[in-house]
N, C-alpha and C. Protein backbone atom coordinates (compact mmCIF):
# COMPACT_ATOMS: atom_id res chain seq x y z
N MET A 1 140.76 162.70 117.46
CA MET A 1 141.13 163.25 118.76
C MET A 1 142.10 162.31 119.47
N SER A 2 143.19 162.87 119.97
CA SER A 2 144.17 162.07 120.68
C SER A 2 143.68 161.80 122.10
N GLU A 3 144.04 160.61 122.62
CA GLU A 3 143.69 160.28 124.01
C GLU A 3 144.51 161.15 124.94
N GLY A 4 143.90 161.52 126.07
CA GLY A 4 144.60 162.35 127.04
C GLY A 4 145.67 161.58 127.77
N LEU A 5 146.47 162.32 128.53
CA LEU A 5 147.53 161.72 129.33
C LEU A 5 147.02 161.39 130.73
N LEU A 6 147.46 160.25 131.25
CA LEU A 6 147.23 159.91 132.64
C LEU A 6 148.50 160.28 133.40
N ILE A 7 148.39 161.26 134.29
CA ILE A 7 149.55 161.80 135.00
C ILE A 7 149.43 161.46 136.47
N ILE A 8 150.37 160.69 136.97
CA ILE A 8 150.33 160.26 138.37
C ILE A 8 151.36 161.07 139.14
N ILE A 9 150.88 161.81 140.15
CA ILE A 9 151.77 162.65 140.95
C ILE A 9 151.71 162.15 142.40
N SER A 10 152.87 161.78 142.91
CA SER A 10 152.92 161.32 144.31
C SER A 10 154.27 161.65 144.91
N GLY A 11 154.40 161.37 146.18
CA GLY A 11 155.62 161.67 146.91
C GLY A 11 155.38 161.45 148.38
N PRO A 12 156.40 161.54 149.20
CA PRO A 12 156.23 161.30 150.63
C PRO A 12 155.41 162.39 151.30
N SER A 13 154.82 162.06 152.44
CA SER A 13 154.08 163.04 153.22
C SER A 13 155.00 164.22 153.58
N GLY A 14 154.52 165.43 153.30
CA GLY A 14 155.33 166.62 153.57
C GLY A 14 156.09 167.14 152.37
N ALA A 15 156.06 166.41 151.26
CA ALA A 15 156.79 166.85 150.06
C ALA A 15 156.05 167.99 149.36
N GLY A 16 154.74 168.09 149.60
CA GLY A 16 153.97 169.20 149.00
C GLY A 16 153.32 168.86 147.68
N LYS A 17 153.02 167.57 147.45
CA LYS A 17 152.43 167.19 146.16
C LYS A 17 151.06 167.83 145.93
N GLY A 18 150.28 167.97 147.01
CA GLY A 18 148.97 168.60 146.87
C GLY A 18 149.08 170.06 146.50
N THR A 19 150.03 170.76 147.10
CA THR A 19 150.26 172.17 146.80
C THR A 19 150.73 172.36 145.37
N VAL A 20 151.61 171.47 144.92
CA VAL A 20 152.10 171.53 143.53
C VAL A 20 150.94 171.30 142.56
N CYS A 21 150.07 170.34 142.87
CA CYS A 21 148.93 170.07 141.99
C CYS A 21 147.99 171.27 141.92
N LYS A 22 147.74 171.91 143.05
CA LYS A 22 146.88 173.11 143.06
C LYS A 22 147.48 174.22 142.21
N GLU A 23 148.79 174.40 142.32
CA GLU A 23 149.47 175.43 141.53
C GLU A 23 149.39 175.10 140.04
N LEU A 24 149.55 173.83 139.71
CA LEU A 24 149.48 173.38 138.31
C LEU A 24 148.09 173.63 137.74
N LEU A 25 147.06 173.30 138.51
CA LEU A 25 145.68 173.50 138.06
C LEU A 25 145.33 174.97 137.95
N SER A 26 145.98 175.83 138.73
CA SER A 26 145.71 177.27 138.66
C SER A 26 146.24 177.89 137.38
N MET A 27 147.09 177.14 136.64
CA MET A 27 147.63 177.64 135.37
C MET A 27 146.59 177.59 134.25
N ASN A 28 145.43 176.99 134.56
CA ASN A 28 144.32 176.94 133.61
C ASN A 28 144.70 176.28 132.28
N LEU A 29 145.42 175.18 132.35
CA LEU A 29 145.70 174.40 131.15
C LEU A 29 144.39 173.81 130.67
N PRO A 30 144.00 174.03 129.41
CA PRO A 30 142.64 173.74 128.96
C PRO A 30 142.19 172.28 129.08
N ASP A 31 143.12 171.34 128.96
CA ASP A 31 142.73 169.93 128.96
C ASP A 31 143.09 169.19 130.24
N LEU A 32 143.50 169.93 131.26
CA LEU A 32 144.01 169.30 132.48
C LEU A 32 142.95 169.27 133.58
N GLU A 33 142.71 168.09 134.13
CA GLU A 33 141.73 167.94 135.21
C GLU A 33 142.29 167.05 136.32
N LEU A 34 141.83 167.29 137.54
CA LEU A 34 142.20 166.45 138.68
C LEU A 34 141.15 165.35 138.82
N SER A 35 141.59 164.12 138.93
CA SER A 35 140.67 163.01 139.07
C SER A 35 139.89 163.11 140.38
N VAL A 36 138.68 162.58 140.36
CA VAL A 36 137.84 162.53 141.56
C VAL A 36 137.86 161.09 142.09
N SER A 37 138.17 160.95 143.37
CA SER A 37 138.24 159.62 143.98
C SER A 37 136.91 159.24 144.60
N ALA A 38 136.75 157.94 144.81
CA ALA A 38 135.60 157.42 145.56
C ALA A 38 136.06 157.13 146.98
N THR A 39 135.15 157.26 147.93
CA THR A 39 135.49 156.99 149.32
C THR A 39 134.26 156.49 150.09
N THR A 40 134.52 155.77 151.15
CA THR A 40 133.43 155.30 152.01
C THR A 40 133.25 156.20 153.23
N ARG A 41 134.11 157.21 153.38
CA ARG A 41 133.91 158.09 154.54
C ARG A 41 132.75 159.05 154.26
N LYS A 42 132.21 159.61 155.32
CA LYS A 42 131.08 160.52 155.20
C LYS A 42 131.53 161.89 154.71
N PRO A 43 130.68 162.58 153.95
CA PRO A 43 131.05 163.92 153.45
C PRO A 43 131.29 164.89 154.60
N ARG A 44 132.30 165.74 154.41
CA ARG A 44 132.55 166.81 155.37
C ARG A 44 131.84 168.07 154.90
N THR A 45 131.75 169.05 155.76
CA THR A 45 131.05 170.30 155.42
C THR A 45 131.65 170.92 154.16
N GLY A 46 130.79 171.19 153.19
CA GLY A 46 131.23 171.84 151.96
C GLY A 46 131.63 170.89 150.85
N GLU A 47 131.76 169.61 151.16
CA GLU A 47 132.13 168.64 150.13
C GLU A 47 130.92 168.25 149.29
N LEU A 48 131.14 168.12 147.98
CA LEU A 48 130.05 167.85 147.05
C LEU A 48 130.27 166.52 146.32
N GLU A 49 129.19 165.78 146.14
CA GLU A 49 129.22 164.52 145.41
C GLU A 49 129.67 164.75 143.97
N GLY A 50 130.64 163.96 143.52
CA GLY A 50 131.11 164.04 142.14
C GLY A 50 132.11 165.15 141.89
N ILE A 51 132.33 166.00 142.88
CA ILE A 51 133.31 167.09 142.75
C ILE A 51 134.43 166.89 143.76
N SER A 52 134.05 166.74 145.03
CA SER A 52 135.04 166.46 146.07
C SER A 52 135.40 164.98 146.05
N TYR A 53 134.38 164.13 146.07
CA TYR A 53 134.53 162.67 146.03
C TYR A 53 133.25 162.07 145.45
N PHE A 54 133.35 160.79 145.09
CA PHE A 54 132.16 159.97 144.89
C PHE A 54 131.96 159.22 146.20
N PHE A 55 130.90 159.54 146.93
CA PHE A 55 130.68 158.94 148.24
C PHE A 55 129.93 157.62 148.09
N LYS A 56 130.51 156.54 148.63
CA LYS A 56 129.95 155.20 148.48
C LYS A 56 129.74 154.54 149.85
N GLU A 57 128.76 153.67 149.91
CA GLU A 57 128.63 152.81 151.07
C GLU A 57 129.69 151.71 150.98
N LYS A 58 130.10 151.18 152.12
CA LYS A 58 131.18 150.20 152.14
C LYS A 58 130.86 148.98 151.28
N GLU A 59 129.61 148.52 151.33
CA GLU A 59 129.22 147.34 150.56
C GLU A 59 129.37 147.58 149.06
N GLU A 60 128.98 148.78 148.62
CA GLU A 60 129.10 149.12 147.19
C GLU A 60 130.56 149.21 146.79
N PHE A 61 131.40 149.79 147.66
CA PHE A 61 132.82 149.93 147.37
C PHE A 61 133.48 148.56 147.22
N VAL A 62 133.17 147.66 148.15
CA VAL A 62 133.74 146.30 148.10
C VAL A 62 133.30 145.59 146.83
N GLN A 63 132.06 145.78 146.44
CA GLN A 63 131.57 145.18 145.20
C GLN A 63 132.34 145.71 143.99
N MET A 64 132.63 147.01 144.00
CA MET A 64 133.42 147.62 142.92
C MET A 64 134.83 147.05 142.88
N ILE A 65 135.40 146.78 144.05
CA ILE A 65 136.73 146.15 144.11
C ILE A 65 136.67 144.77 143.46
N ASN A 66 135.66 144.01 143.83
CA ASN A 66 135.52 142.65 143.31
C ASN A 66 135.29 142.62 141.80
N GLN A 67 134.72 143.68 141.27
CA GLN A 67 134.46 143.77 139.84
C GLN A 67 135.57 144.52 139.08
N ASN A 68 136.69 144.75 139.78
CA ASN A 68 137.87 145.39 139.18
C ASN A 68 137.54 146.77 138.59
N GLU A 69 136.79 147.56 139.33
CA GLU A 69 136.35 148.86 138.84
C GLU A 69 137.23 150.02 139.32
N PHE A 70 138.35 149.70 139.96
CA PHE A 70 139.26 150.75 140.42
C PHE A 70 140.62 150.61 139.74
N ILE A 71 141.21 151.73 139.39
CA ILE A 71 142.60 151.73 138.92
C ILE A 71 143.52 151.43 140.10
N GLU A 72 143.17 151.99 141.24
CA GLU A 72 143.89 151.74 142.48
C GLU A 72 142.93 152.01 143.63
N TYR A 73 143.21 151.37 144.76
CA TYR A 73 142.41 151.63 145.96
C TYR A 73 143.24 151.28 147.19
N ALA A 74 142.80 151.81 148.32
CA ALA A 74 143.49 151.52 149.58
C ALA A 74 142.51 151.68 150.73
N GLN A 75 142.79 150.99 151.81
CA GLN A 75 142.02 151.17 153.04
C GLN A 75 142.87 151.98 153.99
N VAL A 76 142.31 153.11 154.45
CA VAL A 76 142.99 153.98 155.40
C VAL A 76 142.16 153.99 156.68
N TYR A 77 142.67 153.31 157.68
CA TYR A 77 141.93 153.10 158.93
C TYR A 77 140.60 152.40 158.61
N ASP A 78 139.47 153.04 158.88
CA ASP A 78 138.18 152.35 158.69
C ASP A 78 137.53 152.68 157.35
N ASN A 79 138.19 153.47 156.52
CA ASN A 79 137.58 153.90 155.26
C ASN A 79 138.39 153.44 154.04
N PHE A 80 137.68 153.28 152.94
CA PHE A 80 138.30 152.95 151.66
C PHE A 80 138.37 154.20 150.77
N TYR A 81 139.43 154.27 149.97
CA TYR A 81 139.59 155.31 148.95
C TYR A 81 140.03 154.63 147.66
N GLY A 82 139.54 155.11 146.52
CA GLY A 82 139.94 154.50 145.26
C GLY A 82 139.64 155.40 144.06
N THR A 83 140.30 155.10 142.95
CA THR A 83 140.11 155.86 141.71
C THR A 83 139.28 155.04 140.74
N PRO A 84 138.04 155.46 140.44
CA PRO A 84 137.17 154.69 139.54
C PRO A 84 137.73 154.62 138.11
N ARG A 85 137.86 153.42 137.61
CA ARG A 85 138.44 153.18 136.30
C ARG A 85 137.63 153.84 135.18
N SER A 86 136.31 153.67 135.20
CA SER A 86 135.48 154.19 134.11
C SER A 86 135.49 155.71 134.05
N TYR A 87 135.52 156.36 135.22
CA TYR A 87 135.57 157.82 135.27
C TYR A 87 136.83 158.35 134.58
N VAL A 88 137.96 157.76 134.95
CA VAL A 88 139.23 158.20 134.37
C VAL A 88 139.30 157.90 132.88
N GLN A 89 138.89 156.70 132.49
CA GLN A 89 138.97 156.32 131.07
C GLN A 89 138.08 157.20 130.20
N ASN A 90 136.91 157.55 130.69
CA ASN A 90 136.02 158.44 129.93
C ASN A 90 136.65 159.80 129.71
N LYS A 91 137.33 160.31 130.72
CA LYS A 91 138.03 161.59 130.60
C LYS A 91 139.16 161.49 129.57
N LEU A 92 139.94 160.41 129.66
CA LEU A 92 141.07 160.22 128.73
C LEU A 92 140.55 160.08 127.30
N ASP A 93 139.47 159.33 127.12
CA ASP A 93 138.91 159.12 125.78
C ASP A 93 138.41 160.43 125.17
N SER A 94 138.01 161.37 126.02
CA SER A 94 137.51 162.66 125.52
C SER A 94 138.65 163.66 125.28
N GLY A 95 139.90 163.19 125.49
CA GLY A 95 141.05 164.05 125.22
C GLY A 95 141.55 164.83 126.42
N LYS A 96 140.96 164.58 127.59
CA LYS A 96 141.39 165.29 128.79
C LYS A 96 142.63 164.64 129.39
N ASP A 97 143.53 165.47 129.93
CA ASP A 97 144.68 164.97 130.68
C ASP A 97 144.25 164.90 132.15
N VAL A 98 144.44 163.74 132.75
CA VAL A 98 143.92 163.51 134.11
C VAL A 98 145.06 163.33 135.09
N ILE A 99 145.03 164.12 136.17
CA ILE A 99 146.02 164.00 137.24
C ILE A 99 145.46 163.11 138.35
N LEU A 100 146.24 162.11 138.72
CA LEU A 100 145.95 161.33 139.92
C LEU A 100 146.95 161.77 140.99
N GLU A 101 146.46 162.45 142.01
CA GLU A 101 147.31 162.83 143.13
C GLU A 101 147.09 161.77 144.21
N ILE A 102 147.99 160.79 144.26
CA ILE A 102 147.78 159.63 145.12
C ILE A 102 149.07 159.28 145.86
N ASP A 103 148.94 158.40 146.84
CA ASP A 103 150.13 157.99 147.58
C ASP A 103 150.95 157.00 146.74
N ILE A 104 152.12 156.69 147.23
CA ILE A 104 153.06 155.89 146.46
C ILE A 104 152.57 154.46 146.29
N GLN A 105 151.92 153.93 147.30
CA GLN A 105 151.35 152.59 147.20
C GLN A 105 150.34 152.53 146.05
N GLY A 106 149.47 153.55 145.98
CA GLY A 106 148.49 153.62 144.90
C GLY A 106 149.14 153.79 143.54
N ALA A 107 150.20 154.60 143.49
CA ALA A 107 150.90 154.84 142.23
C ALA A 107 151.49 153.55 141.67
N MET A 108 152.00 152.70 142.54
CA MET A 108 152.57 151.44 142.08
C MET A 108 151.49 150.48 141.58
N GLN A 109 150.29 150.57 142.17
CA GLN A 109 149.16 149.80 141.65
C GLN A 109 148.82 150.26 140.23
N VAL A 110 148.79 151.58 140.04
CA VAL A 110 148.47 152.14 138.72
C VAL A 110 149.51 151.72 137.69
N LYS A 111 150.79 151.77 138.08
CA LYS A 111 151.86 151.46 137.14
C LYS A 111 151.78 150.01 136.66
N LYS A 112 151.35 149.13 137.54
CA LYS A 112 151.24 147.72 137.18
C LYS A 112 150.24 147.51 136.05
N ASN A 113 149.15 148.27 136.08
CA ASN A 113 148.07 148.09 135.11
C ASN A 113 148.02 149.16 134.03
N ASN A 114 148.69 150.30 134.26
CA ASN A 114 148.68 151.40 133.30
C ASN A 114 150.10 151.93 133.10
N PRO A 115 151.00 151.10 132.56
CA PRO A 115 152.40 151.52 132.43
C PRO A 115 152.59 152.70 131.49
N GLU A 116 151.56 153.00 130.66
CA GLU A 116 151.68 154.13 129.73
C GLU A 116 151.48 155.48 130.43
N GLY A 117 151.10 155.43 131.70
CA GLY A 117 150.92 156.67 132.46
C GLY A 117 152.24 157.41 132.64
N VAL A 118 152.14 158.68 133.00
CA VAL A 118 153.33 159.51 133.25
C VAL A 118 153.47 159.66 134.76
N PHE A 119 154.55 159.10 135.31
CA PHE A 119 154.71 159.01 136.76
C PHE A 119 155.72 160.05 137.24
N VAL A 120 155.23 160.99 138.08
CA VAL A 120 156.05 162.10 138.57
C VAL A 120 156.15 162.02 140.08
N PHE A 121 157.37 161.99 140.57
CA PHE A 121 157.63 161.91 142.01
C PHE A 121 158.02 163.30 142.51
N ILE A 122 157.25 163.82 143.48
CA ILE A 122 157.58 165.12 144.08
C ILE A 122 158.52 164.89 145.25
N MET A 123 159.72 165.41 145.11
CA MET A 123 160.78 165.19 146.10
C MET A 123 160.95 166.44 146.97
N PRO A 124 161.04 166.28 148.29
CA PRO A 124 161.36 167.43 149.14
C PRO A 124 162.79 167.88 148.86
N PRO A 125 163.11 169.16 149.06
CA PRO A 125 164.46 169.66 148.76
C PRO A 125 165.55 169.00 149.59
N SER A 126 165.21 168.56 150.80
CA SER A 126 166.16 167.86 151.66
C SER A 126 165.38 167.12 152.73
N PHE A 127 166.06 166.18 153.39
CA PHE A 127 165.39 165.45 154.46
C PHE A 127 165.15 166.36 155.65
N GLU A 128 166.06 167.32 155.87
CA GLU A 128 165.88 168.28 156.96
C GLU A 128 164.65 169.15 156.73
N GLU A 129 164.45 169.57 155.48
CA GLU A 129 163.28 170.38 155.16
C GLU A 129 162.00 169.57 155.32
N LEU A 130 162.05 168.31 154.92
CA LEU A 130 160.90 167.43 155.09
C LEU A 130 160.55 167.29 156.57
N LYS A 131 161.58 167.09 157.39
CA LYS A 131 161.39 166.99 158.84
C LYS A 131 160.76 168.26 159.39
N HIS A 132 161.24 169.41 158.93
CA HIS A 132 160.71 170.71 159.37
C HIS A 132 159.23 170.84 159.00
N ARG A 133 158.87 170.44 157.77
CA ARG A 133 157.48 170.56 157.32
C ARG A 133 156.55 169.68 158.14
N ILE A 134 157.00 168.47 158.45
CA ILE A 134 156.16 167.55 159.22
C ILE A 134 155.99 168.05 160.66
N ILE A 135 157.08 168.53 161.26
CA ILE A 135 157.03 169.02 162.64
C ILE A 135 156.18 170.28 162.73
N SER A 136 156.31 171.17 161.73
CA SER A 136 155.62 172.46 161.77
C SER A 136 154.10 172.34 161.66
N ARG A 137 153.62 171.19 161.22
CA ARG A 137 152.17 170.98 161.18
C ARG A 137 151.57 171.05 162.59
N GLY A 138 152.36 170.58 163.56
CA GLY A 138 151.92 170.64 164.95
C GLY A 138 150.78 169.71 165.29
N THR A 139 150.57 168.70 164.47
CA THR A 139 149.43 167.78 164.69
C THR A 139 149.88 166.39 165.11
N ASP A 140 151.18 166.12 165.07
CA ASP A 140 151.67 164.76 165.33
C ASP A 140 152.48 164.70 166.62
N SER A 141 152.39 163.57 167.30
CA SER A 141 153.21 163.34 168.48
C SER A 141 154.64 163.03 168.02
N HIS A 142 155.58 163.04 168.96
CA HIS A 142 156.98 162.75 168.62
C HIS A 142 157.10 161.36 168.00
N LYS A 143 156.35 160.41 168.55
CA LYS A 143 156.36 159.04 168.04
C LYS A 143 155.84 159.00 166.60
N ASP A 144 154.76 159.74 166.33
CA ASP A 144 154.19 159.77 164.98
C ASP A 144 155.13 160.45 163.99
N ILE A 145 155.82 161.49 164.46
CA ILE A 145 156.78 162.19 163.59
C ILE A 145 157.90 161.24 163.16
N LEU A 146 158.45 160.49 164.13
CA LEU A 146 159.51 159.52 163.81
C LEU A 146 159.01 158.47 162.83
N LYS A 147 157.77 158.03 163.01
CA LYS A 147 157.17 157.04 162.12
C LYS A 147 157.03 157.61 160.72
N ARG A 148 156.56 158.87 160.62
CA ARG A 148 156.38 159.52 159.32
C ARG A 148 157.72 159.70 158.60
N LEU A 149 158.75 160.07 159.37
CA LEU A 149 160.08 160.28 158.77
C LEU A 149 160.66 158.96 158.27
N HIS A 150 160.49 157.89 159.03
CA HIS A 150 160.96 156.57 158.61
C HIS A 150 160.25 156.14 157.33
N GLU A 151 158.94 156.36 157.30
CA GLU A 151 158.15 156.00 156.12
C GLU A 151 158.55 156.86 154.92
N ALA A 152 158.81 158.15 155.17
CA ALA A 152 159.21 159.06 154.09
C ALA A 152 160.53 158.61 153.46
N TYR A 153 161.48 158.19 154.29
CA TYR A 153 162.77 157.71 153.76
C TYR A 153 162.55 156.48 152.88
N ARG A 154 161.71 155.56 153.34
CA ARG A 154 161.41 154.36 152.56
C ARG A 154 160.77 154.73 151.22
N GLU A 155 159.88 155.74 151.26
CA GLU A 155 159.19 156.15 150.04
C GLU A 155 160.12 156.86 149.06
N VAL A 156 161.06 157.65 149.59
CA VAL A 156 162.03 158.33 148.72
C VAL A 156 162.81 157.30 147.90
N LEU A 157 163.14 156.17 148.51
CA LEU A 157 163.87 155.12 147.79
C LEU A 157 163.06 154.55 146.63
N LEU A 158 161.73 154.65 146.71
CA LEU A 158 160.86 154.14 145.64
C LEU A 158 160.77 155.09 144.46
N SER A 159 161.38 156.27 144.58
CA SER A 159 161.33 157.25 143.48
C SER A 159 161.99 156.71 142.21
N ARG A 160 162.84 155.69 142.36
CA ARG A 160 163.51 155.10 141.19
C ARG A 160 162.52 154.40 140.26
N ASN A 161 161.29 154.17 140.73
CA ASN A 161 160.27 153.53 139.91
C ASN A 161 159.46 154.52 139.08
N TYR A 162 159.79 155.80 139.17
CA TYR A 162 159.04 156.85 138.48
C TYR A 162 159.75 157.28 137.20
N ASP A 163 159.02 157.99 136.34
CA ASP A 163 159.60 158.50 135.10
C ASP A 163 160.35 159.81 135.33
N TYR A 164 159.84 160.61 136.26
CA TYR A 164 160.41 161.94 136.50
C TYR A 164 160.47 162.21 138.01
N ILE A 165 161.48 162.98 138.42
CA ILE A 165 161.57 163.47 139.79
C ILE A 165 161.61 165.00 139.73
N VAL A 166 160.71 165.63 140.48
CA VAL A 166 160.66 167.09 140.55
C VAL A 166 160.87 167.49 142.00
N THR A 167 161.91 168.26 142.27
CA THR A 167 162.19 168.71 143.62
C THR A 167 161.36 169.95 143.93
N ASN A 168 160.63 169.89 145.02
CA ASN A 168 159.73 170.98 145.39
C ASN A 168 160.41 171.91 146.39
N ASP A 169 161.37 172.70 145.89
CA ASP A 169 161.97 173.73 146.74
C ASP A 169 161.26 175.06 146.55
N ASP A 170 160.49 175.18 145.47
CA ASP A 170 159.65 176.35 145.21
C ASP A 170 158.43 175.84 144.45
N VAL A 171 157.25 176.12 144.98
CA VAL A 171 156.03 175.53 144.43
C VAL A 171 155.80 175.93 142.98
N LYS A 172 155.94 177.20 142.67
CA LYS A 172 155.70 177.67 141.30
C LYS A 172 156.68 177.04 140.32
N THR A 173 157.94 176.94 140.72
CA THR A 173 158.96 176.33 139.86
C THR A 173 158.67 174.84 139.67
N ALA A 174 158.29 174.17 140.74
CA ALA A 174 157.99 172.73 140.65
C ALA A 174 156.79 172.49 139.73
N ALA A 175 155.74 173.30 139.88
CA ALA A 175 154.55 173.16 139.04
C ALA A 175 154.88 173.43 137.58
N ASP A 176 155.75 174.40 137.34
CA ASP A 176 156.14 174.72 135.97
C ASP A 176 156.92 173.56 135.35
N LYS A 177 157.73 172.87 136.16
CA LYS A 177 158.45 171.70 135.66
C LYS A 177 157.49 170.58 135.29
N VAL A 178 156.45 170.37 136.09
CA VAL A 178 155.46 169.35 135.77
C VAL A 178 154.73 169.72 134.49
N ARG A 179 154.42 171.01 134.33
CA ARG A 179 153.78 171.45 133.08
C ARG A 179 154.69 171.16 131.88
N SER A 180 155.98 171.37 132.03
CA SER A 180 156.93 171.09 130.95
C SER A 180 156.98 169.60 130.64
N ILE A 181 156.88 168.77 131.68
CA ILE A 181 156.85 167.31 131.49
C ILE A 181 155.64 166.92 130.65
N ILE A 182 154.48 167.49 130.98
CA ILE A 182 153.25 167.19 130.24
C ILE A 182 153.40 167.59 128.77
N THR A 183 153.98 168.77 128.52
CA THR A 183 154.19 169.24 127.15
C THR A 183 155.12 168.30 126.39
N ALA A 184 156.21 167.89 127.05
CA ALA A 184 157.18 166.99 126.41
C ALA A 184 156.55 165.64 126.11
N GLU A 185 155.77 165.11 127.05
CA GLU A 185 155.13 163.81 126.85
C GLU A 185 154.18 163.83 125.65
N LYS A 186 153.50 164.96 125.45
CA LYS A 186 152.57 165.07 124.33
C LYS A 186 153.30 165.09 122.98
N CYS A 187 154.59 165.42 123.01
CA CYS A 187 155.39 165.47 121.78
C CYS A 187 156.12 164.16 121.49
N LYS A 188 156.00 163.17 122.38
CA LYS A 188 156.67 161.89 122.16
C LYS A 188 156.15 161.23 120.89
N LEU A 189 157.04 160.57 120.19
CA LEU A 189 156.69 159.94 118.92
C LEU A 189 155.51 158.99 119.06
N GLN A 190 155.54 158.15 120.09
CA GLN A 190 154.48 157.14 120.22
C GLN A 190 153.12 157.75 120.56
N ARG A 191 153.10 159.03 121.00
CA ARG A 191 151.83 159.69 121.30
C ARG A 191 151.38 160.59 120.15
N THR A 192 152.21 160.73 119.13
CA THR A 192 151.91 161.65 118.03
C THR A 192 151.50 160.87 116.79
N LYS A 193 150.33 161.19 116.29
CA LYS A 193 149.84 160.53 115.08
C LYS A 193 150.15 161.41 113.87
N ILE A 194 151.11 160.96 113.08
CA ILE A 194 151.54 161.73 111.91
C ILE A 194 151.18 160.97 110.64
N ASP A 195 150.56 161.66 109.73
CA ASP A 195 150.26 161.07 108.43
C ASP A 195 151.46 161.29 107.52
N TYR A 196 152.39 160.32 107.56
CA TYR A 196 153.64 160.48 106.79
C TYR A 196 153.37 160.54 105.30
N GLU A 197 152.31 159.92 104.83
CA GLU A 197 151.99 159.93 103.39
C GLU A 197 151.73 161.35 102.89
N SER A 198 151.19 162.18 103.77
CA SER A 198 150.86 163.53 103.36
C SER A 198 152.12 164.38 103.10
N TYR A 199 153.28 163.87 103.57
CA TYR A 199 154.54 164.58 103.36
C TYR A 199 155.31 164.04 102.16
N LYS A 200 154.74 163.04 101.53
CA LYS A 200 155.42 162.38 100.40
C LYS A 200 155.44 163.30 99.19
N GLU A 201 156.58 163.30 98.49
CA GLU A 201 156.68 164.11 97.28
C GLU A 201 155.79 163.54 96.18
N ASP A 202 155.19 164.43 95.41
CA ASP A 202 154.38 163.99 94.26
C ASP A 202 155.27 163.47 93.16
């Protein structure tokens, strides 16, 4: 059995990476799964342990950090979020392709330790469209919007560190491109185990 692919999907806020991932998963690709993250925040209504998140106490999470048990982690305000190493590796060992939908900071952590991963950057169709998506949420103040746009521009410049860039001007088209990337990666020579002796002439 071949090891599964580790697929890292990220992009600036407003690029639609979460929507693209949902569309990709709706295609029912047999070996494709979305990774489950660990967090120290409390469960919200309807969230389930091991499906939505692995819910941890802060002390346990910090201990896991110290024992290098995360592929990547970050602190967001008062809570920690991270991707458990053993969970992902067990999935990969069983032949599953695992999607990490994470921010760019987390993606760069993963790349440092897992360079064999497939890194896909979801790009907004234009900066104007990105601005429109952020404003249309209606949840941010003018100051926060400017901060998000400045951060988005900085993050777009980091796309040069990825293997692929997919522009999300249409969700279905973008998801189909990611599916094509996964198919192509599975056909790469270094991922394909061929018994050349079996092709040898008698």
